[in-house]
Amino acid sequence: MRLHFCVVGRLRASPEKQLIDDYVERFDRSGRALGLGPCRIIEVEDKKNAGMAAEAELLRKAIPKGAVICTLDERGKLLSSPDFAHRLADWRDTGRQDVAFIIGGADGIDPSLRAEADFSVSLGKMVWPHMLVRVLLAEQVYRAATILAGSPYHRV
């Protein structure tokens, strides 16, 4: 099952980009044997600054046809890392080919796109900068692969 991070904004060379690249590379290596991956990052940019509705249209175009749509949103469901891993495994095991994780811009995700989501996950009650959300999500998908593989990376 392929993972797609559909995100608003371009991430230039930075410590965050290095972390994301590292976790995505780790996920791609460890997830392959589990039927997970690869993971790709699709960045969209609202160059006209037209707002959340315009961002939502760009994000919709980035979502692969038939993909599970999972938004990252503070109103979403709080999951433990093992629960998140099992959610990914459930999607994979029911034959889903693609999962699109949607990360909005500074103002969040347009309500119309949130309404189209199959699932919404929260990274906690705090609001995180959208660039850090990418890092957190990349780490969690890698952690999910290690949990599913029975690796000692995840310790309770």
Protein backbone atom coordinates (compact mmCIF):
# COMPACT_ATOMS: atom_id res chain seq x y z
CA MET A 1 0.00 0.00 0.00
CA ARG A 2 1.46 3.29 -1.11
CA LEU A 3 1.46 6.29 1.22
CA HIS A 4 1.17 9.86 -0.05
CA PHE A 5 1.70 12.94 2.08
CA CYS A 6 -0.34 15.59 0.24
CA VAL A 7 0.79 18.83 1.81
CA VAL A 8 0.43 22.57 1.37
CA GLY A 9 3.69 24.47 1.00
CA ARG A 10 7.18 23.74 -0.21
CA LEU A 11 9.79 22.60 2.27
CA ARG A 12 13.24 23.88 1.36
CA ALA A 13 16.52 22.49 2.69
CA SER A 14 16.12 22.54 6.46
CA PRO A 15 16.49 20.37 9.55
CA GLU A 16 12.80 19.40 9.17
CA LYS A 17 13.37 18.23 5.59
CA GLN A 18 16.37 16.16 6.71
CA LEU A 19 14.26 14.46 9.39
CA ILE A 20 11.40 13.79 6.97
CA ASP A 21 13.74 12.36 4.36
CA ASP A 22 15.41 10.13 6.97
CA TYR A 23 12.13 8.72 8.32
CA VAL A 24 10.64 8.24 4.84
CA GLU A 25 13.78 6.37 3.74
CA ARG A 26 13.60 4.19 6.87
CA PHE A 27 9.90 3.54 6.26
CA ASP A 28 10.47 2.61 2.63
CA ARG A 29 13.13 0.08 3.65
CA SER A 30 11.26 -1.48 6.57
CA GLY A 31 7.74 -1.26 5.12
CA ARG A 32 8.48 -3.03 1.85
CA ALA A 33 8.42 -6.52 3.41
CA LEU A 34 5.11 -5.64 5.09
CA GLY A 35 3.37 -4.52 1.91
CA LEU A 36 3.72 -0.87 2.91
CA GLY A 37 5.30 1.79 0.78
CA PRO A 38 6.74 3.54 -0.87
CA CYS A 39 5.93 6.87 0.71
CA ARG A 40 5.96 9.98 -1.42
CA ILE A 41 5.50 13.61 -0.56
CA ILE A 42 3.39 15.74 -2.88
CA GLU A 43 3.70 19.44 -2.20
CA VAL A 44 1.16 21.91 -3.53
CA GLU A 45 1.41 25.66 -3.36
CA ASP A 46 -1.30 28.28 -3.59
CA LYS A 47 0.79 30.88 -5.41
CA LYS A 48 -2.16 33.26 -5.68
CA ASN A 49 -2.80 33.20 -1.91
CA ALA A 50 -6.45 32.44 -2.61
CA GLY A 51 -7.02 30.72 0.74
CA MET A 52 -8.13 27.36 2.07
CA ALA A 53 -10.63 26.63 -0.70
CA ALA A 54 -7.92 27.04 -3.35
CA GLU A 55 -5.54 24.90 -1.30
CA ALA A 56 -8.25 22.22 -1.06
CA GLU A 57 -8.58 22.13 -4.86
CA LEU A 58 -4.83 21.70 -5.25
CA LEU A 59 -4.82 18.96 -2.62
CA ARG A 60 -7.72 17.14 -4.31
CA LYS A 61 -5.69 17.00 -7.53
CA ALA A 62 -2.77 15.49 -5.60
CA ILE A 63 -4.83 12.66 -4.08
CA PRO A 64 -4.55 9.42 -6.06
CA LYS A 65 -7.86 8.13 -7.41
CA GLY A 66 -9.47 5.69 -4.97
CA ALA A 67 -7.10 6.52 -2.12
CA VAL A 68 -8.12 6.44 1.51
CA ILE A 69 -8.20 10.10 2.53
CA CYS A 70 -6.86 10.74 6.02
CA THR A 71 -6.63 14.30 7.25
CA LEU A 72 -4.27 15.49 9.96
CA ASP A 73 -6.46 17.74 12.05
CA GLU A 74 -6.72 18.70 15.71
CA ARG A 75 -10.40 17.63 15.60
CA GLY A 76 -9.40 14.14 14.47
CA LYS A 77 -9.19 10.94 16.46
CA LEU A 78 -6.41 10.58 19.01
CA LEU A 79 -4.58 7.29 18.42
CA SER A 80 -1.74 5.55 20.16
CA SER A 81 1.16 4.55 17.93
CA PRO A 82 0.09 0.87 17.98
CA ASP A 83 -3.48 1.90 17.09
CA PHE A 84 -2.16 3.97 14.18
CA ALA A 85 -0.05 1.01 13.01
CA HIS A 86 -3.07 -1.27 13.12
CA ARG A 87 -5.18 1.27 11.22
CA LEU A 88 -2.58 1.23 8.42
CA ALA A 89 -2.51 -2.58 8.49
CA ASP A 90 -6.33 -2.70 8.30
CA TRP A 91 -6.35 -0.48 5.21
CA ARG A 92 -3.63 -2.60 3.63
CA ASP A 93 -5.35 -5.87 4.55
CA THR A 94 -8.66 -4.76 3.05
CA GLY A 95 -6.95 -4.20 -0.30
CA ARG A 96 -6.53 -0.46 -0.30
CA GLN A 97 -3.75 0.52 -2.72
CA ASP A 98 -3.17 4.09 -1.58
CA VAL A 99 -3.55 6.25 1.51
CA ALA A 100 -3.35 10.03 1.17
CA PHE A 101 -2.47 11.89 4.35
CA ILE A 102 -3.64 15.48 4.00
CA ILE A 103 -1.76 18.27 5.77
CA GLY A 104 -3.20 21.72 5.26
CA GLY A 105 -1.51 25.08 5.27
CA ALA A 106 -1.21 27.59 8.08
CA ASP A 107 -5.01 27.99 8.31
CA GLY A 108 -5.74 24.26 8.28
CA ILE A 109 -7.82 22.17 5.89
CA ASP A 110 -10.86 23.55 4.13
CA PRO A 111 -14.08 22.17 5.73
CA SER A 112 -15.27 20.78 2.38
CA LEU A 113 -12.12 18.63 2.06
CA ARG A 114 -12.31 17.60 5.72
CA ALA A 115 -15.85 16.37 5.02
CA GLU A 116 -14.57 14.14 2.19
CA ALA A 117 -12.06 12.37 4.44
CA ASP A 118 -12.43 8.69 5.26
CA PHE A 119 -10.61 9.23 8.53
CA SER A 120 -9.07 12.08 10.49
CA VAL A 121 -6.26 11.77 13.00
CA SER A 122 -5.05 14.24 15.58
CA LEU A 123 -1.49 14.50 16.83
CA GLY A 124 -2.78 15.84 20.13
CA LYS A 125 -4.77 18.71 21.49
CA MET A 126 -2.00 21.18 20.72
CA VAL A 127 -1.83 22.79 17.30
CA TRP A 128 1.45 22.11 15.49
CA PRO A 129 3.07 24.11 12.69
CA HIS A 130 2.22 22.32 9.46
CA MET A 131 5.92 21.80 8.64
CA LEU A 132 6.44 19.96 11.95
CA VAL A 133 3.32 17.88 11.34
CA ARG A 134 5.14 16.42 8.33
CA VAL A 135 8.04 15.37 10.57
CA LEU A 136 5.71 13.85 13.17
CA LEU A 137 3.73 11.96 10.54
CA ALA A 138 6.89 10.66 8.84
CA GLU A 139 8.17 9.36 12.18
CA GLN A 140 4.83 7.74 12.99
CA VAL A 141 4.57 5.89 9.68
CA TYR A 142 8.10 4.57 10.25
CA ARG A 143 7.17 3.64 13.83
CA ALA A 144 4.04 1.91 12.50
CA ALA A 145 6.15 -0.24 10.18
CA THR A 146 8.44 -1.19 13.04
CA ILE A 147 5.48 -2.06 15.27
CA LEU A 148 3.97 -4.26 12.58
CA ALA A 149 7.35 -5.92 12.01
CA GLY A 150 7.82 -6.60 15.74
CA SER A 151 10.96 -4.46 15.87
CA PRO A 152 12.19 -3.11 19.23
CA TYR A 153 12.12 0.51 17.92
CA HIS A 154 8.77 1.07 19.63
CA ARG A 155 9.01 0.52 23.36
CA VAL A 156 6.09 0.90 25.69
